Amino acid sequence: PYSMIGSDGSALSVSGPLSHGHPHPRNFGTFARVLSRYVREQKLL
């Protein structure tokens, strides 16, 4: 009950200068993952 969600990531893109590298998926998926994995699938929340 004392935690909130934070990505620890940056705004990136699939093209242009913010698309370089092989980043952590949290930059693209954190909030959707909470809803899909921990709400819909696992019903943790």
All heavy atoms as atom14 arrays in JSON, in Angstrom:
{
  "sequence": "PYSMIGSDGSALSVSGPLSHGHPHPRNFGTFARVLSRYVREQKLL",
  "atom14_mask": [
    [1, 1, 1, 1, 1, 1, 1, 0, 0, 0, 0, 0, 0, 0],
    [1, 1, 1, 1, 1, 1, 1, 1, 1, 1, 1, 1, 0, 0],
    [1, 1, 1, 1, 1, 1, 0, 0, 0, 0, 0, 0, 0, 0],
    [1, 1, 1, 1, 1, 1, 1, 1, 0, 0, 0, 0, 0, 0],
    [1, 1, 1, 1, 1, 1, 1, 1, 0, 0, 0, 0, 0, 0],
    [1, 1, 1, 1, 0, 0, 0, 0, 0, 0, 0, 0, 0, 0],
    [1, 1, 1, 1, 1, 1, 0, 0, 0, 0, 0, 0, 0, 0],
    [1, 1, 1, 1, 1, 1, 1, 1, 0, 0, 0, 0, 0, 0],
    [1, 1, 1, 1, 0, 0, 0, 0, 0, 0, 0, 0, 0, 0],
    [1, 1, 1, 1, 1, 1, 0, 0, 0, 0, 0, 0, 0, 0],
    [1, 1, 1, 1, 1, 0, 0, 0, 0, 0, 0, 0, 0, 0],
    [1, 1, 1, 1, 1, 1, 1, 1, 0, 0, 0, 0, 0, 0],
    [1, 1, 1, 1, 1, 1, 0, 0, 0, 0, 0, 0, 0, 0],
    [1, 1, 1, 1, 1, 1, 1, 0, 0, 0, 0, 0, 0, 0],
    [1, 1, 1, 1, 1, 1, 0, 0, 0, 0, 0, 0, 0, 0],
    [1, 1, 1, 1, 0, 0, 0, 0, 0, 0, 0, 0, 0, 0],
    [1, 1, 1, 1, 1, 1, 1, 0, 0, 0, 0, 0, 0, 0],
    [1, 1, 1, 1, 1, 1, 1, 1, 0, 0, 0, 0, 0, 0],
    [1, 1, 1, 1, 1, 1, 0, 0, 0, 0, 0, 0, 0, 0],
    [1, 1, 1, 1, 1, 1, 1, 1, 1, 1, 0, 0, 0, 0],
    [1, 1, 1, 1, 0, 0, 0, 0, 0, 0, 0, 0, 0, 0],
    [1, 1, 1, 1, 1, 1, 1, 1, 1, 1, 0, 0, 0, 0],
    [1, 1, 1, 1, 1, 1, 1, 0, 0, 0, 0, 0, 0, 0],
    [1, 1, 1, 1, 1, 1, 1, 1, 1, 1, 0, 0, 0, 0],
    [1, 1, 1, 1, 1, 1, 1, 0, 0, 0, 0, 0, 0, 0],
    [1, 1, 1, 1, 1, 1, 1, 1, 1, 1, 1, 0, 0, 0],
    [1, 1, 1, 1, 1, 1, 1, 1, 0, 0, 0, 0, 0, 0],
    [1, 1, 1, 1, 1, 1, 1, 1, 1, 1, 1, 0, 0, 0],
    [1, 1, 1, 1, 0, 0, 0, 0, 0, 0, 0, 0, 0, 0],
    [1, 1, 1, 1, 1, 1, 1, 0, 0, 0, 0, 0, 0, 0],
    [1, 1, 1, 1, 1, 1, 1, 1, 1, 1, 1, 0, 0, 0],
    [1, 1, 1, 1, 1, 0, 0, 0, 0, 0, 0, 0, 0, 0],
    [1, 1, 1, 1, 1, 1, 1, 1, 1, 1, 1, 0, 0, 0],
    [1, 1, 1, 1, 1, 1, 1, 0, 0, 0, 0, 0, 0, 0],
    [1, 1, 1, 1, 1, 1, 1, 1, 0, 0, 0, 0, 0, 0],
    [1, 1, 1, 1, 1, 1, 0, 0, 0, 0, 0, 0, 0, 0],
    [1, 1, 1, 1, 1, 1, 1, 1, 1, 1, 1, 0, 0, 0],
    [1, 1, 1, 1, 1, 1, 1, 1, 1, 1, 1, 1, 0, 0],
    [1, 1, 1, 1, 1, 1, 1, 0, 0, 0, 0, 0, 0, 0],
    [1, 1, 1, 1, 1, 1, 1, 1, 1, 1, 1, 0, 0, 0],
    [1, 1, 1, 1, 1, 1, 1, 1, 1, 0, 0, 0, 0, 0],
    [1, 1, 1, 1, 1, 1, 1, 1, 1, 0, 0, 0, 0, 0],
    [1, 1, 1, 1, 1, 1, 1, 1, 1, 0, 0, 0, 0, 0],
    [1, 1, 1, 1, 1, 1, 1, 1, 0, 0, 0, 0, 0, 0],
    [1, 1, 1, 1, 1, 1, 1, 1, 0, 0, 0, 0, 0, 0]
  ],
  "atom14_positions": [
    [[0.81, -1.23, 0.0], [0.0, 0.0, 0.0], [0.84, 1.27, 0.0], [0.3, 2.36, -0.18], [-0.81, -0.11, 1.29], [-0.01, -1.01, 2.18], [0.66, -1.99, 1.25], [0.0, 0.0, 0.0], [0.0, 0.0, 0.0], [0.0, 0.0, 0.0], [0.0, 0.0, 0.0], [0.0, 0.0, 0.0], [0.0, 0.0, 0.0], [0.0, 0.0, 0.0]],
    [[2.16, 1.12, 0.18], [3.03, 2.29, 0.26], [3.81, 2.52, -1.03], [4.69, 3.38, -1.09], [4.01, 2.13, 1.43], [3.31, 1.71, 2.69], [3.62, 0.51, 3.33], [2.29, 2.49, 3.24], [2.95, 0.1, 4.48], [1.61, 2.09, 4.39], [1.94, 0.9, 5.0], [1.26, 0.5, 6.13], [0.0, 0.0, 0.0], [0.0, 0.0, 0.0]],
    [[3.49, 1.76, -2.09], [4.23, 1.91, -3.35], [3.38, 2.53, -4.43], [2.16, 2.39, -4.45], [4.73, 0.54, -3.84], [3.65, -0.24, -4.35], [0.0, 0.0, 0.0], [0.0, 0.0, 0.0], [0.0, 0.0, 0.0], [0.0, 0.0, 0.0], [0.0, 0.0, 0.0], [0.0, 0.0, 0.0], [0.0, 0.0, 0.0], [0.0, 0.0, 0.0]],
    [[4.05, 3.23, -5.32], [3.43, 3.76, -6.54], [4.3, 3.35, -7.72], [5.41, 2.84, -7.54], [3.24, 5.27, -6.44], [4.48, 6.05, -6.1], [4.13, 7.7, -5.38], [3.91, 7.32, -3.65], [0.0, 0.0, 0.0], [0.0, 0.0, 0.0], [0.0, 0.0, 0.0], [0.0, 0.0, 0.0], [0.0, 0.0, 0.0], [0.0, 0.0, 0.0]],
    [[3.82, 3.54, -8.92], [4.52, 3.07, -10.11], [5.36, 4.19, -10.71], [4.87, 5.31, -10.92], [3.53, 2.53, -11.16], [2.64, 1.44, -10.55], [4.28, 2.02, -12.38], [3.38, 0.24, -10.02], [0.0, 0.0, 0.0], [0.0, 0.0, 0.0], [0.0, 0.0, 0.0], [0.0, 0.0, 0.0], [0.0, 0.0, 0.0], [0.0, 0.0, 0.0]],
    [[6.62, 3.9, -11.0], [7.5, 4.83, -11.71], [8.34, 4.04, -12.69], [8.8, 2.94, -12.37], [0.0, 0.0, 0.0], [0.0, 0.0, 0.0], [0.0, 0.0, 0.0], [0.0, 0.0, 0.0], [0.0, 0.0, 0.0], [0.0, 0.0, 0.0], [0.0, 0.0, 0.0], [0.0, 0.0, 0.0], [0.0, 0.0, 0.0], [0.0, 0.0, 0.0]],
    [[8.56, 4.56, -13.87], [9.23, 3.78, -14.92], [10.74, 3.7, -14.74], [11.37, 2.74, -15.18], [8.92, 4.37, -16.3], [9.63, 5.59, -16.49], [0.0, 0.0, 0.0], [0.0, 0.0, 0.0], [0.0, 0.0, 0.0], [0.0, 0.0, 0.0], [0.0, 0.0, 0.0], [0.0, 0.0, 0.0], [0.0, 0.0, 0.0], [0.0, 0.0, 0.0]],
    [[11.35, 4.72, -14.12], [12.81, 4.85, -14.09], [13.36, 4.9, -15.51], [14.49, 4.5, -15.76], [13.45, 3.7, -13.29], [14.91, 3.98, -12.91], [15.32, 5.14, -13.0], [15.63, 3.03, -12.56], [0.0, 0.0, 0.0], [0.0, 0.0, 0.0], [0.0, 0.0, 0.0], [0.0, 0.0, 0.0], [0.0, 0.0, 0.0], [0.0, 0.0, 0.0]],
    [[12.52, 5.35, -16.45], [12.92, 5.39, -17.85], [12.8, 6.78, -18.44], [12.45, 7.75, -17.76], [0.0, 0.0, 0.0], [0.0, 0.0, 0.0], [0.0, 0.0, 0.0], [0.0, 0.0, 0.0], [0.0, 0.0, 0.0], [0.0, 0.0, 0.0], [0.0, 0.0, 0.0], [0.0, 0.0, 0.0], [0.0, 0.0, 0.0], [0.0, 0.0, 0.0]],
    [[13.04, 6.86, -19.74], [13.0, 8.12, -20.46], [12.02, 8.04, -21.62], [11.68, 6.96, -22.08], [14.4, 8.46, -21.01], [15.35, 8.49, -19.98], [0.0, 0.0, 0.0], [0.0, 0.0, 0.0], [0.0, 0.0, 0.0], [0.0, 0.0, 0.0], [0.0, 0.0, 0.0], [0.0, 0.0, 0.0], [0.0, 0.0, 0.0], [0.0, 0.0, 0.0]],
    [[11.61, 9.21, -22.11], [10.8, 9.26, -23.31], [11.68, 8.94, -24.51], [12.63, 9.67, -24.8], [10.16, 10.64, -23.46], [0.0, 0.0, 0.0], [0.0, 0.0, 0.0], [0.0, 0.0, 0.0], [0.0, 0.0, 0.0], [0.0, 0.0, 0.0], [0.0, 0.0, 0.0], [0.0, 0.0, 0.0], [0.0, 0.0, 0.0], [0.0, 0.0, 0.0]],
    [[11.38, 7.85, -25.19], [12.15, 7.43, -26.36], [11.22, 7.32, -27.56], [10.04, 7.62, -27.48], [12.83, 6.09, -26.09], [13.79, 6.04, -24.89], [14.41, 4.66, -24.75], [14.9, 7.09, -25.03], [0.0, 0.0, 0.0], [0.0, 0.0, 0.0], [0.0, 0.0, 0.0], [0.0, 0.0, 0.0], [0.0, 0.0, 0.0], [0.0, 0.0, 0.0]],
    [[11.78, 6.88, -28.67], [11.01, 6.77, -29.9], [11.51, 5.56, -30.69], [12.55, 4.97, -30.36], [11.16, 8.05, -30.73], [10.42, 7.97, -31.93], [0.0, 0.0, 0.0], [0.0, 0.0, 0.0], [0.0, 0.0, 0.0], [0.0, 0.0, 0.0], [0.0, 0.0, 0.0], [0.0, 0.0, 0.0], [0.0, 0.0, 0.0], [0.0, 0.0, 0.0]],
    [[10.77, 5.18, -31.71], [11.21, 4.07, -32.56], [12.0, 4.58, -33.76], [12.48, 3.78, -34.58], [10.01, 3.22, -33.05], [9.29, 2.59, -31.87], [9.04, 4.05, -33.89], [0.0, 0.0, 0.0], [0.0, 0.0, 0.0], [0.0, 0.0, 0.0], [0.0, 0.0, 0.0], [0.0, 0.0, 0.0], [0.0, 0.0, 0.0], [0.0, 0.0, 0.0]],
    [[12.15, 5.9, -33.87], [12.95, 6.47, -34.95], [13.59, 7.76, -34.47], [13.16, 8.34, -33.46], [12.08, 6.74, -36.19], [11.06, 7.66, -35.89], [0.0, 0.0, 0.0], [0.0, 0.0, 0.0], [0.0, 0.0, 0.0], [0.0, 0.0, 0.0], [0.0, 0.0, 0.0], [0.0, 0.0, 0.0], [0.0, 0.0, 0.0], [0.0, 0.0, 0.0]],
    [[14.6, 8.23, -35.17], [15.26, 9.47, -34.81], [16.28, 9.31, -33.7], [16.61, 8.19, -33.29], [0.0, 0.0, 0.0], [0.0, 0.0, 0.0], [0.0, 0.0, 0.0], [0.0, 0.0, 0.0], [0.0, 0.0, 0.0], [0.0, 0.0, 0.0], [0.0, 0.0, 0.0], [0.0, 0.0, 0.0], [0.0, 0.0, 0.0], [0.0, 0.0, 0.0]],
    [[16.81, 10.42, -33.19], [17.9, 10.38, -32.21], [17.56, 9.71, -30.89], [18.45, 9.26, -30.17], [18.27, 11.85, -32.0], [17.08, 12.62, -32.47], [16.47, 11.81, -33.56], [0.0, 0.0, 0.0], [0.0, 0.0, 0.0], [0.0, 0.0, 0.0], [0.0, 0.0, 0.0], [0.0, 0.0, 0.0], [0.0, 0.0, 0.0], [0.0, 0.0, 0.0]],
    [[16.27, 9.63, -30.52], [15.89, 8.97, -29.28], [15.55, 7.49, -29.49], [14.95, 6.85, -28.64], [14.7, 9.69, -28.63], [14.98, 11.11, -28.13], [13.75, 11.68, -27.43], [16.19, 11.16, -27.2], [0.0, 0.0, 0.0], [0.0, 0.0, 0.0], [0.0, 0.0, 0.0], [0.0, 0.0, 0.0], [0.0, 0.0, 0.0], [0.0, 0.0, 0.0]],
    [[15.97, 6.95, -30.62], [15.73, 5.53, -30.9], [17.0, 4.7, -30.86], [16.96, 3.5, -31.12], [15.08, 5.37, -32.29], [16.0, 5.72, -33.32], [0.0, 0.0, 0.0], [0.0, 0.0, 0.0], [0.0, 0.0, 0.0], [0.0, 0.0, 0.0], [0.0, 0.0, 0.0], [0.0, 0.0, 0.0], [0.0, 0.0, 0.0], [0.0, 0.0, 0.0]],
    [[18.12, 5.32, -30.54], [19.4, 4.62, -30.56], [19.5, 3.6, -29.42], [18.88, 3.74, -28.38], [20.55, 5.61, -30.46], [20.64, 6.53, -31.64], [21.36, 7.7, -31.63], [20.06, 6.47, -32.87], [21.24, 8.31, -32.8], [20.45, 7.59, -33.56], [0.0, 0.0, 0.0], [0.0, 0.0, 0.0], [0.0, 0.0, 0.0], [0.0, 0.0, 0.0]],
    [[20.32, 2.59, -29.63], [20.62, 1.63, -28.58], [19.6, 0.51, -28.49], [18.71, 0.33, -29.33], [0.0, 0.0, 0.0], [0.0, 0.0, 0.0], [0.0, 0.0, 0.0], [0.0, 0.0, 0.0], [0.0, 0.0, 0.0], [0.0, 0.0, 0.0], [0.0, 0.0, 0.0], [0.0, 0.0, 0.0], [0.0, 0.0, 0.0], [0.0, 0.0, 0.0]],
    [[19.77, -0.28, -27.43], [18.9, -1.43, -27.13], [18.4, -1.23, -25.71], [18.88, -1.85, -24.76], [19.72, -2.73, -27.25], [18.88, -3.97, -27.22], [18.43, -4.59, -28.35], [18.41, -4.69, -26.18], [17.72, -5.66, -28.01], [17.69, -5.74, -26.69], [0.0, 0.0, 0.0], [0.0, 0.0, 0.0], [0.0, 0.0, 0.0], [0.0, 0.0, 0.0]],
    [[17.4, -0.34, -25.53], [17.04, 0.12, -24.18], [16.24, -0.91, -23.38], [15.76, -1.91, -23.91], [16.17, 1.35, -24.47], [15.56, 1.04, -25.81], [16.62, 0.32, -26.57], [0.0, 0.0, 0.0], [0.0, 0.0, 0.0], [0.0, 0.0, 0.0], [0.0, 0.0, 0.0], [0.0, 0.0, 0.0], [0.0, 0.0, 0.0], [0.0, 0.0, 0.0]],
    [[16.09, -0.62, -22.11], [15.22, -1.39, -21.22], [13.78, -1.22, -21.7], [13.35, -0.09, -22.02], [15.37, -0.86, -19.8], [14.85, -1.75, -18.73], [13.51, -2.11, -18.65], [15.45, -2.35, -17.66], [13.31, -2.87, -17.6], [14.49, -3.04, -16.97], [0.0, 0.0, 0.0], [0.0, 0.0, 0.0], [0.0, 0.0, 0.0], [0.0, 0.0, 0.0]],
    [[12.98, -2.27, -21.75], [11.59, -2.13, -22.21], [10.72, -1.25, -21.32], [9.63, -0.84, -21.74], [11.07, -3.57, -22.24], [11.98, -4.35, -21.34], [13.32, -3.69, -21.48], [0.0, 0.0, 0.0], [0.0, 0.0, 0.0], [0.0, 0.0, 0.0], [0.0, 0.0, 0.0], [0.0, 0.0, 0.0], [0.0, 0.0, 0.0], [0.0, 0.0, 0.0]],
    [[11.17, -0.93, -20.12], [10.39, -0.07, -19.23], [10.13, 1.3, -19.86], [9.15, 1.97, -19.53], [11.09, 0.1, -17.89], [12.4, 0.85, -17.94], [13.18, 0.73, -16.65], [14.41, 1.52, -16.65], [15.34, 1.44, -15.71], [15.2, 0.59, -14.7], [16.42, 2.2, -15.76], [0.0, 0.0, 0.0], [0.0, 0.0, 0.0], [0.0, 0.0, 0.0]],
    [[11.02, 1.74, -20.76], [10.83, 3.02, -21.42], [9.59, 3.05, -22.29], [9.03, 4.11, -22.56], [12.06, 3.35, -22.29], [13.32, 3.46, -21.48], [13.55, 4.45, -20.81], [14.17, 2.44, -21.54], [0.0, 0.0, 0.0], [0.0, 0.0, 0.0], [0.0, 0.0, 0.0], [0.0, 0.0, 0.0], [0.0, 0.0, 0.0], [0.0, 0.0, 0.0]],
    [[9.16, 1.89, -22.77], [8.02, 1.78, -23.67], [6.81, 1.09, -23.04], [5.7, 1.23, -23.56], [8.42, 0.98, -24.92], [9.32, 1.71, -25.87], [10.69, 1.8, -25.65], [8.79, 2.33, -27.0], [11.52, 2.47, -26.52], [9.62, 3.02, -27.88], [10.99, 3.09, -27.65], [0.0, 0.0, 0.0], [0.0, 0.0, 0.0], [0.0, 0.0, 0.0]],
    [[7.0, 0.35, -21.94], [5.92, -0.53, -21.51], [5.47, -0.52, -20.08], [4.53, -1.23, -19.72], [0.0, 0.0, 0.0], [0.0, 0.0, 0.0], [0.0, 0.0, 0.0], [0.0, 0.0, 0.0], [0.0, 0.0, 0.0], [0.0, 0.0, 0.0], [0.0, 0.0, 0.0], [0.0, 0.0, 0.0], [0.0, 0.0, 0.0], [0.0, 0.0, 0.0]],
    [[6.11, 0.27, -19.21], [5.86, 0.17, -17.76], [4.38, 0.17, -17.38], [3.89, -0.73, -16.7], [6.59, 1.3, -17.01], [8.0, 1.08, -17.09], [6.18, 1.36, -15.55], [0.0, 0.0, 0.0], [0.0, 0.0, 0.0], [0.0, 0.0, 0.0], [0.0, 0.0, 0.0], [0.0, 0.0, 0.0], [0.0, 0.0, 0.0], [0.0, 0.0, 0.0]],
    [[3.67, 1.2, -17.79], [2.3, 1.39, -17.3], [1.33, 0.4, -17.94], [0.42, -0.1, -17.26], [1.88, 2.84, -17.51], [2.69, 3.79, -16.66], [3.92, 4.28, -17.11], [2.27, 4.15, -15.4], [4.69, 5.11, -16.32], [3.03, 4.99, -14.59], [4.25, 5.46, -15.05], [0.0, 0.0, 0.0], [0.0, 0.0, 0.0], [0.0, 0.0, 0.0]],
    [[1.55, 0.09, -19.2], [0.72, -0.94, -19.85], [0.98, -2.3, -19.23], [0.06, -3.12, -19.09], [1.01, -0.97, -21.35], [0.0, 0.0, 0.0], [0.0, 0.0, 0.0], [0.0, 0.0, 0.0], [0.0, 0.0, 0.0], [0.0, 0.0, 0.0], [0.0, 0.0, 0.0], [0.0, 0.0, 0.0], [0.0, 0.0, 0.0], [0.0, 0.0, 0.0]],
    [[2.22, -2.58, -18.82], [2.56, -3.86, -18.22], [1.87, -4.04, -16.86], [1.41, -5.14, -16.53], [4.08, -3.99, -18.06], [4.54, -5.32, -17.47], [6.07, -5.37, -17.45], [6.6, -6.54, -16.77], [6.79, -7.73, -17.33], [6.45, -7.9, -18.61], [7.3, -8.73, -16.66], [0.0, 0.0, 0.0], [0.0, 0.0, 0.0], [0.0, 0.0, 0.0]],
    [[1.79, -2.98, -16.08], [1.09, -3.07, -14.8], [-0.37, -3.47, -15.04], [-0.91, -4.35, -14.37], [1.17, -1.73, -14.03], [0.22, -1.73, -12.84], [2.6, -1.47, -13.56], [0.0, 0.0, 0.0], [0.0, 0.0, 0.0], [0.0, 0.0, 0.0], [0.0, 0.0, 0.0], [0.0, 0.0, 0.0], [0.0, 0.0, 0.0], [0.0, 0.0, 0.0]],
    [[-0.99, -2.83, -16.01], [-2.4, -3.11, -16.28], [-2.62, -4.5, -16.86], [-3.56, -5.2, -16.48], [-2.97, -2.05, -17.23], [-3.06, -0.63, -16.64], [-3.43, 0.36, -17.74], [-4.06, -0.57, -15.5], [0.0, 0.0, 0.0], [0.0, 0.0, 0.0], [0.0, 0.0, 0.0], [0.0, 0.0, 0.0], [0.0, 0.0, 0.0], [0.0, 0.0, 0.0]],
    [[-1.76, -4.91, -17.78], [-1.97, -6.21, -18.43], [-1.53, -7.37, -17.55], [-2.28, -8.33, -17.34], [-1.23, -6.26, -19.77], [0.18, -6.12, -19.59], [0.0, 0.0, 0.0], [0.0, 0.0, 0.0], [0.0, 0.0, 0.0], [0.0, 0.0, 0.0], [0.0, 0.0, 0.0], [0.0, 0.0, 0.0], [0.0, 0.0, 0.0], [0.0, 0.0, 0.0]],
    [[-0.33, -7.28, -16.98], [0.24, -8.4, -16.22], [-0.3, -8.5, -14.81], [-0.71, -9.58, -14.34], [1.76, -8.28, -16.2], [2.48, -9.44, -15.49], [3.98, -9.24, -15.59], [4.73, -10.27, -14.9], [5.07, -11.46, -15.43], [4.7, -11.75, -16.66], [5.77, -12.34, -14.72], [0.0, 0.0, 0.0], [0.0, 0.0, 0.0], [0.0, 0.0, 0.0]],
    [[-0.31, -7.38, -14.1], [-0.6, -7.43, -12.67], [-2.06, -7.13, -12.33], [-2.49, -7.41, -11.21], [0.34, -6.49, -11.91], [1.78, -6.94, -12.06], [2.67, -6.26, -12.88], [2.23, -8.09, -11.4], [3.99, -6.7, -13.03], [3.54, -8.53, -11.55], [4.41, -7.83, -12.37], [5.7, -8.28, -12.53], [0.0, 0.0, 0.0], [0.0, 0.0, 0.0]],
    [[-2.81, -6.57, -13.28], [-4.24, -6.38, -13.07], [-5.03, -7.47, -13.79], [-5.72, -8.28, -13.17], [-4.7, -4.98, -13.53], [-6.22, -4.84, -13.42], [-4.02, -3.9, -12.69], [0.0, 0.0, 0.0], [0.0, 0.0, 0.0], [0.0, 0.0, 0.0], [0.0, 0.0, 0.0], [0.0, 0.0, 0.0], [0.0, 0.0, 0.0], [0.0, 0.0, 0.0]],
    [[-4.93, -7.51, -15.12], [-5.77, -8.44, -15.89], [-5.36, -9.89, -15.73], [-6.2, -10.76, -15.46], [-5.73, -8.06, -17.37], [-6.7, -8.89, -18.22], [-6.59, -8.57, -19.69], [-5.32, -8.97, -20.25], [-4.52, -8.18, -20.96], [-4.86, -6.91, -21.17], [-3.37, -8.63, -21.45], [0.0, 0.0, 0.0], [0.0, 0.0, 0.0], [0.0, 0.0, 0.0]],
    [[-4.06, -10.18, -15.87], [-3.61, -11.57, -15.91], [-3.44, -12.17, -14.51], [-3.99, -13.23, -14.2], [-2.31, -11.67, -16.69], [-2.46, -11.29, -18.16], [-1.12, -11.18, -18.88], [-0.08, -11.55, -18.27], [-1.11, -10.71, -20.03], [0.0, 0.0, 0.0], [0.0, 0.0, 0.0], [0.0, 0.0, 0.0], [0.0, 0.0, 0.0], [0.0, 0.0, 0.0]],
    [[-2.68, -11.51, -13.65], [-2.37, -12.09, -12.34], [-3.33, -11.65, -11.24], [-3.35, -12.26, -10.17], [-0.93, -11.75, -11.95], [0.11, -12.32, -12.89], [1.53, -12.12, -12.36], [1.75, -11.71, -11.22], [2.51, -12.42, -13.2], [0.0, 0.0, 0.0], [0.0, 0.0, 0.0], [0.0, 0.0, 0.0], [0.0, 0.0, 0.0], [0.0, 0.0, 0.0]],
    [[-4.09, -10.6, -11.51], [-5.04, -10.07, -10.53], [-4.37, -9.76, -9.18], [-4.95, -9.92, -8.11], [-6.21, -11.04, -10.34], [-7.05, -11.18, -11.62], [-8.18, -12.14, -11.46], [-9.13, -12.09, -12.66], [-8.45, -12.21, -13.99], [0.0, 0.0, 0.0], [0.0, 0.0, 0.0], [0.0, 0.0, 0.0], [0.0, 0.0, 0.0], [0.0, 0.0, 0.0]],
    [[-3.11, -9.33, -9.25], [-2.39, -8.9, -8.05], [-3.01, -7.61, -7.51], [-3.07, -7.41, -6.29], [-0.91, -8.68, -8.38], [-0.01, -8.22, -7.25], [0.18, -9.35, -6.23], [1.35, -7.75, -7.78], [0.0, 0.0, 0.0], [0.0, 0.0, 0.0], [0.0, 0.0, 0.0], [0.0, 0.0, 0.0], [0.0, 0.0, 0.0], [0.0, 0.0, 0.0]],
    [[-3.44, -6.74, -8.43], [-4.08, -5.48, -8.07], [-5.44, -5.41, -8.75], [-5.63, -5.96, -9.83], [-3.24, -4.29, -8.57], [-1.82, -4.11, -8.08], [-1.15, -2.96, -8.83], [-1.78, -3.86, -6.58], [0.0, 0.0, 0.0], [0.0, 0.0, 0.0], [0.0, 0.0, 0.0], [0.0, 0.0, 0.0], [0.0, 0.0, 0.0], [0.0, 0.0, 0.0]]
  ]
}
